[in-house]
Amino acid sequence: MKPVERENRGARDAAAILPFLGVVLLFPPVVYIFAAPVAVAGVPLIVLYLFGVWAAVILAAWIVSLRLKPDAEDAESSTGSAGRR
């Protein structure tokens, strides 16, 4: 395994787990926990939960994608002269 692959191992694991975590957090039994008749600033708690999970999954995916993105130097060295015009 190359050193770059070892560095990205945690990010690759997170990228594999993130969709499943998002699905589990949006399962109806978990969502129903937040279906209480409570409003925060006039917004029902269930709506805040759904949009909060949605935003958190998107933010986490963006952070993981930044960790997985190869550096400019790594991209040039892996493509070699075939990627140049």
N, C-alpha and C. Protein backbone atom coordinates (compact mmCIF):
# COMPACT_ATOMS: atom_id res chain seq x y z
N MET A 1 0.84 -1.18 0.00
CA MET A 1 0.00 0.00 0.00
C MET A 1 0.89 1.25 0.00
N LYS A 2 0.56 2.21 -0.82
CA LYS A 2 1.33 3.44 -0.89
C LYS A 2 1.05 4.30 0.34
N PRO A 3 1.98 5.19 0.72
CA PRO A 3 1.74 6.07 1.87
C PRO A 3 0.49 6.95 1.68
N VAL A 4 0.22 7.38 0.46
CA VAL A 4 -0.96 8.22 0.22
C VAL A 4 -2.23 7.42 0.49
N GLU A 5 -2.23 6.15 0.13
CA GLU A 5 -3.40 5.32 0.37
C GLU A 5 -3.63 5.11 1.86
N ARG A 6 -2.55 4.98 2.64
CA ARG A 6 -2.69 4.82 4.08
C ARG A 6 -3.26 6.08 4.71
N GLU A 7 -2.87 7.24 4.21
CA GLU A 7 -3.37 8.49 4.76
C GLU A 7 -4.86 8.65 4.48
N ASN A 8 -5.33 8.20 3.33
CA ASN A 8 -6.72 8.35 2.95
C ASN A 8 -7.61 7.21 3.43
N ARG A 9 -7.04 6.27 4.15
CA ARG A 9 -7.82 5.10 4.55
C ARG A 9 -9.01 5.49 5.42
N GLY A 10 -8.79 6.36 6.40
CA GLY A 10 -9.89 6.80 7.26
C GLY A 10 -10.95 7.56 6.48
N ALA A 11 -10.52 8.38 5.54
CA ALA A 11 -11.47 9.14 4.73
C ALA A 11 -12.27 8.20 3.83
N ARG A 12 -11.61 7.18 3.30
CA ARG A 12 -12.34 6.22 2.46
C ARG A 12 -13.34 5.43 3.29
N ASP A 13 -12.96 5.08 4.53
CA ASP A 13 -13.90 4.39 5.41
C ASP A 13 -15.09 5.28 5.73
N ALA A 14 -14.82 6.55 6.01
CA ALA A 14 -15.90 7.49 6.31
C ALA A 14 -16.82 7.67 5.10
N ALA A 15 -16.23 7.70 3.91
CA ALA A 15 -17.03 7.85 2.69
C ALA A 15 -17.93 6.62 2.48
N ALA A 16 -17.48 5.47 2.91
CA ALA A 16 -18.29 4.26 2.75
C ALA A 16 -19.40 4.19 3.79
N ILE A 17 -19.15 4.69 4.98
CA ILE A 17 -20.12 4.60 6.08
C ILE A 17 -21.14 5.74 6.03
N LEU A 18 -20.77 6.88 5.52
CA LEU A 18 -21.62 8.08 5.57
C LEU A 18 -23.01 7.88 4.96
N PRO A 19 -23.15 7.28 3.80
CA PRO A 19 -24.52 7.09 3.26
C PRO A 19 -25.40 6.22 4.15
N PHE A 20 -24.81 5.18 4.72
CA PHE A 20 -25.57 4.30 5.60
C PHE A 20 -25.97 5.02 6.89
N LEU A 21 -25.08 5.83 7.42
CA LEU A 21 -25.40 6.62 8.61
C LEU A 21 -26.54 7.59 8.31
N GLY A 22 -26.50 8.22 7.15
CA GLY A 22 -27.57 9.13 6.77
C GLY A 22 -28.91 8.44 6.65
N VAL A 23 -28.91 7.24 6.09
CA VAL A 23 -30.16 6.48 5.96
C VAL A 23 -30.70 6.09 7.33
N VAL A 24 -29.81 5.63 8.21
CA VAL A 24 -30.25 5.22 9.54
C VAL A 24 -30.83 6.42 10.31
N LEU A 25 -30.19 7.57 10.19
CA LEU A 25 -30.69 8.76 10.89
C LEU A 25 -32.02 9.25 10.33
N LEU A 26 -32.36 8.84 9.10
CA LEU A 26 -33.63 9.25 8.51
C LEU A 26 -34.68 8.14 8.52
N PHE A 27 -34.39 7.01 9.17
CA PHE A 27 -35.39 5.95 9.34
C PHE A 27 -36.55 6.50 10.17
N PRO A 28 -37.76 6.13 9.82
CA PRO A 28 -38.92 6.63 10.58
C PRO A 28 -38.87 6.39 12.09
N PRO A 29 -38.40 5.24 12.59
CA PRO A 29 -38.36 5.09 14.06
C PRO A 29 -37.45 6.13 14.73
N VAL A 30 -36.38 6.50 14.09
CA VAL A 30 -35.49 7.52 14.66
C VAL A 30 -36.12 8.90 14.51
N VAL A 31 -36.74 9.16 13.38
CA VAL A 31 -37.36 10.46 13.14
C VAL A 31 -38.52 10.68 14.10
N TYR A 32 -39.28 9.61 14.41
CA TYR A 32 -40.44 9.75 15.29
C TYR A 32 -40.04 10.16 16.71
N ILE A 33 -38.80 9.95 17.09
CA ILE A 33 -38.34 10.42 18.40
C ILE A 33 -38.49 11.94 18.49
N PHE A 34 -38.32 12.61 17.38
CA PHE A 34 -38.37 14.07 17.35
C PHE A 34 -39.74 14.60 16.92
N ALA A 35 -40.76 13.75 16.92
CA ALA A 35 -42.10 14.15 16.50
C ALA A 35 -42.91 14.73 17.66
N ALA A 36 -42.26 15.13 18.71
CA ALA A 36 -42.96 15.72 19.86
C ALA A 36 -43.57 17.06 19.46
N PRO A 37 -44.66 17.43 20.10
CA PRO A 37 -45.29 18.71 19.76
C PRO A 37 -44.53 19.89 20.37
N VAL A 38 -43.29 20.03 19.98
CA VAL A 38 -42.42 21.10 20.48
C VAL A 38 -42.00 21.95 19.30
N ALA A 39 -41.99 23.26 19.51
CA ALA A 39 -41.55 24.17 18.46
C ALA A 39 -40.39 25.01 18.99
N VAL A 40 -39.38 25.13 18.16
CA VAL A 40 -38.23 25.98 18.49
C VAL A 40 -38.29 27.16 17.54
N ALA A 41 -38.50 28.34 18.10
CA ALA A 41 -38.65 29.56 17.31
C ALA A 41 -39.77 29.41 16.28
N GLY A 42 -40.82 28.69 16.66
CA GLY A 42 -41.97 28.53 15.78
C GLY A 42 -41.83 27.42 14.75
N VAL A 43 -40.70 26.73 14.75
CA VAL A 43 -40.47 25.64 13.79
C VAL A 43 -40.57 24.31 14.55
N PRO A 44 -41.39 23.38 14.06
CA PRO A 44 -41.51 22.08 14.74
C PRO A 44 -40.16 21.37 14.85
N LEU A 45 -39.97 20.66 15.96
CA LEU A 45 -38.71 19.98 16.23
C LEU A 45 -38.38 18.94 15.16
N ILE A 46 -39.37 18.25 14.64
CA ILE A 46 -39.12 17.22 13.62
C ILE A 46 -38.55 17.85 12.34
N VAL A 47 -39.02 19.04 12.00
CA VAL A 47 -38.51 19.74 10.81
C VAL A 47 -37.05 20.15 11.04
N LEU A 48 -36.75 20.65 12.21
CA LEU A 48 -35.35 21.01 12.52
C LEU A 48 -34.45 19.78 12.48
N TYR A 49 -34.94 18.65 12.98
CA TYR A 49 -34.15 17.43 12.95
C TYR A 49 -33.88 16.99 11.51
N LEU A 50 -34.93 16.93 10.70
CA LEU A 50 -34.75 16.47 9.32
C LEU A 50 -33.78 17.34 8.53
N PHE A 51 -33.97 18.66 8.62
CA PHE A 51 -33.07 19.55 7.90
C PHE A 51 -31.67 19.57 8.52
N GLY A 52 -31.60 19.38 9.83
CA GLY A 52 -30.29 19.30 10.49
C GLY A 52 -29.49 18.09 10.06
N VAL A 53 -30.16 16.94 9.99
CA VAL A 53 -29.48 15.71 9.53
C VAL A 53 -29.08 15.86 8.07
N TRP A 54 -29.97 16.39 7.27
CA TRP A 54 -29.68 16.60 5.85
C TRP A 54 -28.45 17.49 5.67
N ALA A 55 -28.41 18.61 6.40
CA ALA A 55 -27.28 19.54 6.29
C ALA A 55 -26.00 18.90 6.84
N ALA A 56 -26.11 18.14 7.92
CA ALA A 56 -24.93 17.50 8.51
C ALA A 56 -24.34 16.45 7.57
N VAL A 57 -25.18 15.69 6.90
CA VAL A 57 -24.68 14.67 5.96
C VAL A 57 -24.00 15.35 4.78
N ILE A 58 -24.57 16.43 4.29
CA ILE A 58 -23.95 17.15 3.18
C ILE A 58 -22.61 17.75 3.60
N LEU A 59 -22.55 18.35 4.78
CA LEU A 59 -21.31 18.92 5.28
C LEU A 59 -20.25 17.84 5.49
N ALA A 60 -20.64 16.72 6.06
CA ALA A 60 -19.70 15.62 6.27
C ALA A 60 -19.19 15.07 4.94
N ALA A 61 -20.06 14.95 3.96
CA ALA A 61 -19.64 14.47 2.64
C ALA A 61 -18.66 15.44 1.99
N TRP A 62 -18.88 16.73 2.17
CA TRP A 62 -17.97 17.73 1.62
C TRP A 62 -16.59 17.63 2.28
N ILE A 63 -16.58 17.48 3.60
CA ILE A 63 -15.30 17.37 4.32
C ILE A 63 -14.56 16.10 3.91
N VAL A 64 -15.28 14.99 3.79
CA VAL A 64 -14.65 13.74 3.36
C VAL A 64 -14.12 13.87 1.94
N SER A 65 -14.86 14.55 1.07
CA SER A 65 -14.40 14.70 -0.32
C SER A 65 -13.13 15.53 -0.38
N LEU A 66 -12.99 16.51 0.50
CA LEU A 66 -11.75 17.29 0.54
C LEU A 66 -10.57 16.43 0.96
N ARG A 67 -10.80 15.51 1.87
CA ARG A 67 -9.73 14.63 2.33
C ARG A 67 -9.36 13.60 1.26
N LEU A 68 -10.32 13.23 0.43
CA LEU A 68 -10.07 12.24 -0.62
C LEU A 68 -9.48 12.84 -1.88
N LYS A 69 -9.65 14.16 -2.06
CA LYS A 69 -9.18 14.80 -3.27
C LYS A 69 -7.65 14.77 -3.29
N PRO A 70 -7.06 14.29 -4.38
CA PRO A 70 -5.60 14.25 -4.44
C PRO A 70 -5.03 15.66 -4.58
N ASP A 71 -3.85 15.84 -4.02
CA ASP A 71 -3.16 17.13 -4.17
C ASP A 71 -2.73 17.30 -5.63
N ALA A 72 -2.44 18.53 -6.01
CA ALA A 72 -2.03 18.81 -7.39
C ALA A 72 -0.74 18.06 -7.73
N GLU A 73 0.19 17.99 -6.77
CA GLU A 73 1.45 17.29 -7.02
C GLU A 73 1.22 15.79 -7.19
N ASP A 74 0.34 15.22 -6.37
CA ASP A 74 0.06 13.79 -6.47
C ASP A 74 -0.63 13.46 -7.79
N ALA A 75 -1.52 14.34 -8.23
CA ALA A 75 -2.24 14.10 -9.48
C ALA A 75 -1.28 14.12 -10.67
N GLU A 76 -0.34 15.05 -10.65
CA GLU A 76 0.63 15.12 -11.76
C GLU A 76 1.54 13.91 -11.77
N SER A 77 1.98 13.48 -10.60
CA SER A 77 2.92 12.35 -10.56
C SER A 77 2.21 11.04 -10.92
N SER A 78 0.92 10.92 -10.62
CA SER A 78 0.23 9.68 -10.96
C SER A 78 -0.15 9.60 -12.43
N THR A 79 -0.42 10.76 -13.07
CA THR A 79 -0.78 10.73 -14.48
C THR A 79 0.45 10.65 -15.38
N GLY A 80 1.55 11.16 -14.89
CA GLY A 80 2.78 11.13 -15.70
C GLY A 80 2.66 12.04 -16.89
N SER A 81 3.30 11.67 -17.96
CA SER A 81 3.28 12.51 -19.15
C SER A 81 2.02 12.27 -19.99
N ALA A 82 1.28 11.21 -19.70
CA ALA A 82 0.08 10.92 -20.49
C ALA A 82 -1.01 11.96 -20.25
N GLY A 83 -1.02 12.58 -19.06
CA GLY A 83 -2.04 13.56 -18.76
C GLY A 83 -1.72 14.95 -19.28
N ARG A 84 -0.53 15.16 -19.78
CA ARG A 84 -0.13 16.49 -20.28
C ARG A 84 -0.39 16.62 -21.76
N ARG A 85 -0.62 17.85 -22.17
CA ARG A 85 -0.83 18.08 -23.60
C ARG A 85 0.20 19.02 -24.12
